[in-house]
Amino acid sequence: MKLHLPNHPTQLYLIRHGEVEERYHKVFGGSRIDMALSPLGLRQAEAVAKWLRDTPLDTIYASPMQRVRQTLAPTATSREMEPVFLDGLREVDFGDWTGNRWDEVQSIFGVSAFDWLEIIENGGIPNGEPVSQIKQRVGECTQRILEAHPHQRVAVFCHGGIIRVMLALLLEMPLMRMAHFNIEYGSLSVVEVQPEKKHAVEIELLNFQAPVG
């Protein structure tokens, strides 16, 4: 049964893609490298579908990148649902960091890769995507989803960086503060949005990883 009652919040199920193929572990791929999932990543995709099995979903939105398509496939197939792909949900463009390992960023660019959210917000990565552009495109996607699906349950399959941007926008917090939130491969986070409440945005679940069989 779909709950579309006025007092029922809009629920966003934010799902990060599964683990990527081994050669891209701890490598900045972003929007420029369209990598695939690892065998574990494919099992994580199945685990997500199994965990969501008894959860009514009204629609699925997703990034068009390969690793996301592979992650959402078991969920969409089991429900016979056609995802809506939004280009604005692509991962962040990491510019000159693309293809470099996290430890290489320190030696090549003289900064810690672990500070990437702060670096993006304060000046940006060389030849990378400006923070204003990131927030604009992700904000437009978020607004589109919320306006189209009031009081419904929506799954959004995308990327770790994009989930953090969405949370920052929804919570009206600086992007760099999202470094406190770990978003693992194959994780689910659930956000409830109910504008008529004082605390209109509430995080109900954060970084949950469904058991992998």
C-alpha atoms as a PDB file:
ATOM      1  CA  MET A   1       0.000   0.000   0.000  1.00  0.00           C
ATOM      2  CA  LYS A   2       1.335   3.406  -0.921  1.00  0.00           C
ATOM      3  CA  LEU A   3       1.080   6.024   1.800  1.00  0.00           C
ATOM      4  CA  HIS A   4       0.393   9.414   0.241  1.00  0.00           C
ATOM      5  CA  LEU A   5      -1.381  10.948   3.221  1.00  0.00           C
ATOM      6  CA  PRO A   6      -0.719  14.649   3.911  1.00  0.00           C
ATOM      7  CA  ASN A   7       0.893  13.829   7.261  1.00  0.00           C
ATOM      8  CA  HIS A   8       3.187  11.208   5.756  1.00  0.00           C
ATOM      9  CA  PRO A   9       6.678  12.618   5.072  1.00  0.00           C
ATOM     10  CA  THR A  10       8.495  12.337   1.796  1.00  0.00           C
ATOM     11  CA  GLN A  11      11.100   9.638   2.345  1.00  0.00           C
ATOM     12  CA  LEU A  12      14.340   9.682   0.369  1.00  0.00           C
ATOM     13  CA  TYR A  13      16.294   6.440   0.328  1.00  0.00           C
ATOM     14  CA  LEU A  14      19.796   7.597  -0.625  1.00  0.00           C
ATOM     15  CA  ILE A  15      21.820   4.636  -1.854  1.00  0.00           C
ATOM     16  CA  ARG A  16      25.494   4.743  -2.735  1.00  0.00           C
ATOM     17  CA  HIS A  17      26.680   2.398  -5.458  1.00  0.00           C
ATOM     18  CA  GLY A  18      28.491  -0.792  -4.471  1.00  0.00           C
ATOM     19  CA  GLU A  19      32.225  -1.335  -4.290  1.00  0.00           C
ATOM     20  CA  VAL A  20      34.002  -0.586  -7.574  1.00  0.00           C
ATOM     21  CA  GLU A  21      36.455  -2.837  -9.400  1.00  0.00           C
ATOM     22  CA  GLU A  22      39.736  -3.314  -7.549  1.00  0.00           C
ATOM     23  CA  ARG A  23      41.942  -1.265  -9.858  1.00  0.00           C
ATOM     24  CA  TYR A  24      39.991   1.845  -8.828  1.00  0.00           C
ATOM     25  CA  HIS A  25      40.126   1.321  -5.073  1.00  0.00           C
ATOM     26  CA  LYS A  26      41.165   4.556  -3.321  1.00  0.00           C
ATOM     27  CA  VAL A  27      41.403   6.281  -6.708  1.00  0.00           C
ATOM     28  CA  PHE A  28      39.587   9.511  -7.542  1.00  0.00           C
ATOM     29  CA  GLY A  29      37.336   8.507 -10.428  1.00  0.00           C
ATOM     30  CA  GLY A  30      34.533  11.003 -10.079  1.00  0.00           C
ATOM     31  CA  SER A  31      32.478  11.738 -13.171  1.00  0.00           C
ATOM     32  CA  ARG A  32      35.336  11.206 -15.631  1.00  0.00           C
ATOM     33  CA  ILE A  33      35.931   7.456 -15.076  1.00  0.00           C
ATOM     34  CA  ASP A  34      32.901   5.273 -15.759  1.00  0.00           C
ATOM     35  CA  MET A  35      34.042   2.264 -13.744  1.00  0.00           C
ATOM     36  CA  ALA A  36      32.161  -0.960 -13.061  1.00  0.00           C
ATOM     37  CA  LEU A  37      31.417  -2.788  -9.822  1.00  0.00           C
ATOM     38  CA  SER A  38      33.623  -5.432  -8.246  1.00  0.00           C
ATOM     39  CA  PRO A  39      32.225  -8.909  -7.447  1.00  0.00           C
ATOM     40  CA  LEU A  40      31.591  -7.647  -3.905  1.00  0.00           C
ATOM     41  CA  GLY A  41      29.877  -4.569  -5.309  1.00  0.00           C
ATOM     42  CA  LEU A  42      27.489  -6.773  -7.286  1.00  0.00           C
ATOM     43  CA  ARG A  43      26.651  -8.724  -4.116  1.00  0.00           C
ATOM     44  CA  GLN A  44      26.071  -5.446  -2.302  1.00  0.00           C
ATOM     45  CA  ALA A  45      23.602  -4.478  -5.035  1.00  0.00           C
ATOM     46  CA  GLU A  46      21.703  -7.710  -4.427  1.00  0.00           C
ATOM     47  CA  ALA A  47      21.789  -7.074  -0.670  1.00  0.00           C
ATOM     48  CA  VAL A  48      20.265  -3.621  -1.141  1.00  0.00           C
ATOM     49  CA  ALA A  49      17.440  -5.078  -3.233  1.00  0.00           C
ATOM     50  CA  LYS A  50      16.790  -7.765  -0.624  1.00  0.00           C
ATOM     51  CA  TRP A  51      16.759  -5.269   2.260  1.00  0.00           C
ATOM     52  CA  LEU A  52      14.331  -3.013   0.378  1.00  0.00           C
ATOM     53  CA  ARG A  53      12.132  -5.932  -0.657  1.00  0.00           C
ATOM     54  CA  ASP A  54       9.283  -5.120   1.743  1.00  0.00           C
ATOM     55  CA  THR A  55       9.594  -1.338   1.409  1.00  0.00           C
ATOM     56  CA  PRO A  56       7.065   0.257  -0.950  1.00  0.00           C
ATOM     57  CA  LEU A  57       8.829   2.557  -3.414  1.00  0.00           C
ATOM     58  CA  ASP A  58       7.008   4.962  -5.681  1.00  0.00           C
ATOM     59  CA  THR A  59       9.891   5.635  -8.037  1.00  0.00           C
ATOM     60  CA  ILE A  60      13.635   5.321  -8.541  1.00  0.00           C
ATOM     61  CA  TYR A  61      15.987   8.133  -9.557  1.00  0.00           C
ATOM     62  CA  ALA A  62      19.617   7.536 -10.408  1.00  0.00           C
ATOM     63  CA  SER A  63      22.910   8.745 -11.763  1.00  0.00           C
ATOM     64  CA  PRO A  64      23.485   7.408 -15.293  1.00  0.00           C
ATOM     65  CA  MET A  65      26.996   6.138 -14.498  1.00  0.00           C
ATOM     66  CA  GLN A  66      27.751   2.431 -14.933  1.00  0.00           C
ATOM     67  CA  ARG A  67      28.509   1.673 -11.280  1.00  0.00           C
ATOM     68  CA  VAL A  68      25.156   3.116 -10.270  1.00  0.00           C
ATOM     69  CA  ARG A  69      23.219   1.348 -13.025  1.00  0.00           C
ATOM     70  CA  GLN A  70      24.696  -1.969 -11.884  1.00  0.00           C
ATOM     71  CA  THR A  71      23.787  -1.227  -8.266  1.00  0.00           C
ATOM     72  CA  LEU A  72      20.155  -0.370  -8.930  1.00  0.00           C
ATOM     73  CA  ALA A  73      19.560  -3.210 -11.428  1.00  0.00           C
ATOM     74  CA  PRO A  74      18.446  -5.884  -8.900  1.00  0.00           C
ATOM     75  CA  THR A  75      16.038  -3.458  -7.191  1.00  0.00           C
ATOM     76  CA  ALA A  76      14.529  -2.159 -10.435  1.00  0.00           C
ATOM     77  CA  THR A  77      14.273  -5.614 -12.017  1.00  0.00           C
ATOM     78  CA  SER A  78      12.579  -7.236  -9.035  1.00  0.00           C
ATOM     79  CA  ARG A  79       9.973  -4.458  -8.966  1.00  0.00           C
ATOM     80  CA  GLU A  80       9.639  -4.059 -12.735  1.00  0.00           C
ATOM     81  CA  MET A  81      10.344  -0.349 -12.295  1.00  0.00           C
ATOM     82  CA  GLU A  82      11.982   1.921 -14.864  1.00  0.00           C
ATOM     83  CA  PRO A  83      14.499   4.268 -13.208  1.00  0.00           C
ATOM     84  CA  VAL A  84      14.618   7.964 -14.029  1.00  0.00           C
ATOM     85  CA  PHE A  85      18.226   8.879 -14.814  1.00  0.00           C
ATOM     86  CA  LEU A  86      19.292  12.435 -13.996  1.00  0.00           C
ATOM     87  CA  ASP A  87      22.609  13.704 -15.303  1.00  0.00           C
ATOM     88  CA  GLY A  88      22.768  16.075 -12.346  1.00  0.00           C
ATOM     89  CA  LEU A  89      23.272  13.067 -10.054  1.00  0.00           C
ATOM     90  CA  ARG A  90      26.636  12.171 -11.616  1.00  0.00           C
ATOM     91  CA  GLU A  91      29.590  12.079  -9.235  1.00  0.00           C
ATOM     92  CA  VAL A  92      31.679  15.197  -8.658  1.00  0.00           C
ATOM     93  CA  ASP A  93      34.288  16.035 -11.309  1.00  0.00           C
ATOM     94  CA  PHE A  94      37.608  15.813  -9.454  1.00  0.00           C
ATOM     95  CA  GLY A  95      39.567  17.611 -12.161  1.00  0.00           C
ATOM     96  CA  ASP A  96      43.337  17.060 -12.015  1.00  0.00           C
ATOM     97  CA  TRP A  97      42.934  14.598  -9.147  1.00  0.00           C
ATOM     98  CA  THR A  98      41.147  12.167 -11.472  1.00  0.00           C
ATOM     99  CA  GLY A  99      42.986   8.858 -11.777  1.00  0.00           C
ATOM    100  CA  ASN A 100      45.250   9.560  -8.798  1.00  0.00           C
ATOM    101  CA  ARG A 101      45.273   7.492  -5.646  1.00  0.00           C
ATOM    102  CA  TRP A 102      44.463   9.166  -2.329  1.00  0.00           C
ATOM    103  CA  ASP A 103      48.092   8.911  -1.201  1.00  0.00           C
ATOM    104  CA  GLU A 104      49.307  10.380  -4.497  1.00  0.00           C
ATOM    105  CA  VAL A 105      47.260  13.546  -4.028  1.00  0.00           C
ATOM    106  CA  GLN A 106      49.481  14.512  -1.093  1.00  0.00           C
ATOM    107  CA  SER A 107      52.723  14.065  -3.027  1.00  0.00           C
ATOM    108  CA  ILE A 108      51.519  15.645  -6.280  1.00  0.00           C
ATOM    109  CA  PHE A 109      49.272  18.471  -5.046  1.00  0.00           C
ATOM    110  CA  GLY A 110      50.570  19.021  -1.515  1.00  0.00           C
ATOM    111  CA  VAL A 111      47.207  18.578   0.196  1.00  0.00           C
ATOM    112  CA  SER A 112      45.477  15.758   2.039  1.00  0.00           C
ATOM    113  CA  ALA A 113      42.876  13.921   0.001  1.00  0.00           C
ATOM    114  CA  PHE A 114      40.949  13.370   3.236  1.00  0.00           C
ATOM    115  CA  ASP A 115      40.178  17.110   3.199  1.00  0.00           C
ATOM    116  CA  TRP A 116      38.514  16.896  -0.207  1.00  0.00           C
ATOM    117  CA  LEU A 117      35.158  18.311   0.917  1.00  0.00           C
ATOM    118  CA  GLU A 118      36.824  21.312   2.531  1.00  0.00           C
ATOM    119  CA  ILE A 119      39.076  21.812  -0.504  1.00  0.00           C
ATOM    120  CA  ILE A 120      36.104  21.746  -2.886  1.00  0.00           C
ATOM    121  CA  GLU A 121      34.232  24.267  -0.760  1.00  0.00           C
ATOM    122  CA  ASN A 122      37.215  26.591  -0.344  1.00  0.00           C
ATOM    123  CA  GLY A 123      38.635  27.220  -3.787  1.00  0.00           C
ATOM    124  CA  GLY A 124      38.240  23.871  -5.439  1.00  0.00           C
ATOM    125  CA  ILE A 125      40.402  21.187  -7.008  1.00  0.00           C
ATOM    126  CA  PRO A 126      42.550  22.278  -9.989  1.00  0.00           C
ATOM    127  CA  ASN A 127      40.368  22.053 -13.107  1.00  0.00           C
ATOM    128  CA  GLY A 128      37.665  20.400 -11.022  1.00  0.00           C
ATOM    129  CA  GLU A 129      33.999  21.225 -10.747  1.00  0.00           C
ATOM    130  CA  PRO A 130      33.261  24.464  -8.867  1.00  0.00           C
ATOM    131  CA  VAL A 131      31.288  24.041  -5.666  1.00  0.00           C
ATOM    132  CA  SER A 132      28.625  26.447  -6.945  1.00  0.00           C
ATOM    133  CA  GLN A 133      28.001  24.221  -9.956  1.00  0.00           C
ATOM    134  CA  ILE A 134      27.902  21.059  -7.835  1.00  0.00           C
ATOM    135  CA  LYS A 135      25.376  22.554  -5.431  1.00  0.00           C
ATOM    136  CA  GLN A 136      23.267  23.961  -8.253  1.00  0.00           C
ATOM    137  CA  ARG A 137      22.899  20.719 -10.193  1.00  0.00           C
ATOM    138  CA  VAL A 138      22.362  18.541  -7.127  1.00  0.00           C
ATOM    139  CA  GLY A 139      19.983  21.094  -5.651  1.00  0.00           C
ATOM    140  CA  GLU A 140      17.937  21.152  -8.842  1.00  0.00           C
ATOM    141  CA  CYS A 141      17.693  17.346  -8.830  1.00  0.00           C
ATOM    142  CA  THR A 142      16.703  17.287  -5.170  1.00  0.00           C
ATOM    143  CA  GLN A 143      14.050  19.951  -5.664  1.00  0.00           C
ATOM    144  CA  ARG A 144      12.665  18.170  -8.715  1.00  0.00           C
ATOM    145  CA  ILE A 145      12.336  14.917  -6.774  1.00  0.00           C
ATOM    146  CA  LEU A 146      10.696  16.524  -3.747  1.00  0.00           C
ATOM    147  CA  GLU A 147       8.235  18.546  -5.816  1.00  0.00           C
ATOM    148  CA  ALA A 148       7.253  15.556  -7.967  1.00  0.00           C
ATOM    149  CA  HIS A 149       6.782  13.100  -5.096  1.00  0.00           C
ATOM    150  CA  PRO A 150       5.262  14.724  -1.996  1.00  0.00           C
ATOM    151  CA  HIS A 151       4.460  12.220   0.779  1.00  0.00           C
ATOM    152  CA  GLN A 152       5.996   9.356  -1.233  1.00  0.00           C
ATOM    153  CA  ARG A 153       8.972   7.009  -0.899  1.00  0.00           C
ATOM    154  CA  VAL A 154      11.730   7.611  -3.433  1.00  0.00           C
ATOM    155  CA  ALA A 155      14.957   5.672  -3.953  1.00  0.00           C
ATOM    156  CA  VAL A 156      17.911   7.727  -5.195  1.00  0.00           C
ATOM    157  CA  PHE A 157      20.870   5.643  -6.368  1.00  0.00           C
ATOM    158  CA  CYS A 158      23.994   7.738  -6.794  1.00  0.00           C
ATOM    159  CA  HIS A 159      27.463   8.451  -5.367  1.00  0.00           C
ATOM    160  CA  GLY A 160      29.085   9.148  -2.017  1.00  0.00           C
ATOM    161  CA  GLY A 161      29.953  12.720  -2.948  1.00  0.00           C
ATOM    162  CA  ILE A 162      26.464  13.440  -4.237  1.00  0.00           C
ATOM    163  CA  ILE A 163      24.773  12.019  -1.140  1.00  0.00           C
ATOM    164  CA  ARG A 164      26.910  14.318   0.999  1.00  0.00           C
ATOM    165  CA  VAL A 165      25.973  17.311  -1.149  1.00  0.00           C
ATOM    166  CA  MET A 166      22.278  16.422  -0.880  1.00  0.00           C
ATOM    167  CA  LEU A 167      22.541  16.128   2.893  1.00  0.00           C
ATOM    168  CA  ALA A 168      24.376  19.447   3.134  1.00  0.00           C
ATOM    169  CA  LEU A 169      21.688  21.184   1.085  1.00  0.00           C
ATOM    170  CA  LEU A 170      18.774  19.568   2.929  1.00  0.00           C
ATOM    171  CA  LEU A 171      20.273  20.272   6.355  1.00  0.00           C
ATOM    172  CA  GLU A 172      21.481  23.745   5.302  1.00  0.00           C
ATOM    173  CA  MET A 173      24.981  22.940   6.533  1.00  0.00           C
ATOM    174  CA  PRO A 174      28.425  23.640   5.028  1.00  0.00           C
ATOM    175  CA  LEU A 175      29.586  20.897   2.687  1.00  0.00           C
ATOM    176  CA  MET A 176      32.820  20.433   4.646  1.00  0.00           C
ATOM    177  CA  ARG A 177      30.765  19.389   7.688  1.00  0.00           C
ATOM    178  CA  MET A 178      29.620  16.324   5.757  1.00  0.00           C
ATOM    179  CA  ALA A 179      33.080  14.854   6.341  1.00  0.00           C
ATOM    180  CA  HIS A 180      31.625  13.764   9.700  1.00  0.00           C
ATOM    181  CA  PHE A 181      29.211  11.457   7.834  1.00  0.00           C
ATOM    182  CA  ASN A 182      30.696   8.239   6.490  1.00  0.00           C
ATOM    183  CA  ILE A 183      28.952   6.979   3.349  1.00  0.00           C
ATOM    184  CA  GLU A 184      30.226   3.480   2.551  1.00  0.00           C
ATOM    185  CA  TYR A 185      29.897   1.488  -0.665  1.00  0.00           C
ATOM    186  CA  GLY A 186      26.431  -0.052  -0.940  1.00  0.00           C
ATOM    187  CA  SER A 187      25.079   1.949   2.001  1.00  0.00           C
ATOM    188  CA  LEU A 188      21.575   3.267   2.525  1.00  0.00           C
ATOM    189  CA  SER A 189      20.631   6.501   4.255  1.00  0.00           C
ATOM    190  CA  VAL A 190      17.022   7.518   4.805  1.00  0.00           C
ATOM    191  CA  VAL A 191      15.944  11.144   5.034  1.00  0.00           C
ATOM    192  CA  GLU A 192      12.407  12.265   5.856  1.00  0.00           C
ATOM    193  CA  VAL A 193      11.206  15.628   4.589  1.00  0.00           C
ATOM    194  CA  GLN A 194       8.064  17.167   6.060  1.00  0.00           C
ATOM    195  CA  PRO A 195       7.999  20.945   5.436  1.00  0.00           C
ATOM    196  CA  GLU A 196       5.119  21.591   7.838  1.00  0.00           C
ATOM    197  CA  LYS A 197       7.201  20.449  10.815  1.00  0.00           C
ATOM    198  CA  LYS A 198       9.637  22.669  12.707  1.00  0.00           C
ATOM    199  CA  HIS A 199      12.434  20.219  11.989  1.00  0.00           C
ATOM    200  CA  ALA A 200      11.476  19.703   8.367  1.00  0.00           C
ATOM    201  CA  VAL A 201      14.384  17.372   7.542  1.00  0.00           C
ATOM    202  CA  GLU A 202      15.212  14.392   9.720  1.00  0.00           C
ATOM    203  CA  ILE A 203      17.813  11.682   9.145  1.00  0.00           C
ATOM    204  CA  GLU A 204      16.181   8.368  10.022  1.00  0.00           C
ATOM    205  CA  LEU A 205      19.049   6.093   8.930  1.00  0.00           C
ATOM    206  CA  LEU A 206      22.637   6.848   7.993  1.00  0.00           C
ATOM    207  CA  ASN A 207      25.240   4.702   6.240  1.00  0.00           C
ATOM    208  CA  PHE A 208      23.488   1.365   6.828  1.00  0.00           C
ATOM    209  CA  GLN A 209      24.995  -1.536   4.908  1.00  0.00           C
ATOM    210  CA  ALA A 210      22.659  -4.443   4.281  1.00  0.00           C
ATOM    211  CA  PRO A 211      24.189  -7.863   5.076  1.00  0.00           C
ATOM    212  CA  VAL A 212      25.898  -9.367   2.046  1.00  0.00           C
ATOM    213  CA  GLY A 213      25.228 -13.046   1.418  1.00  0.00           C
END
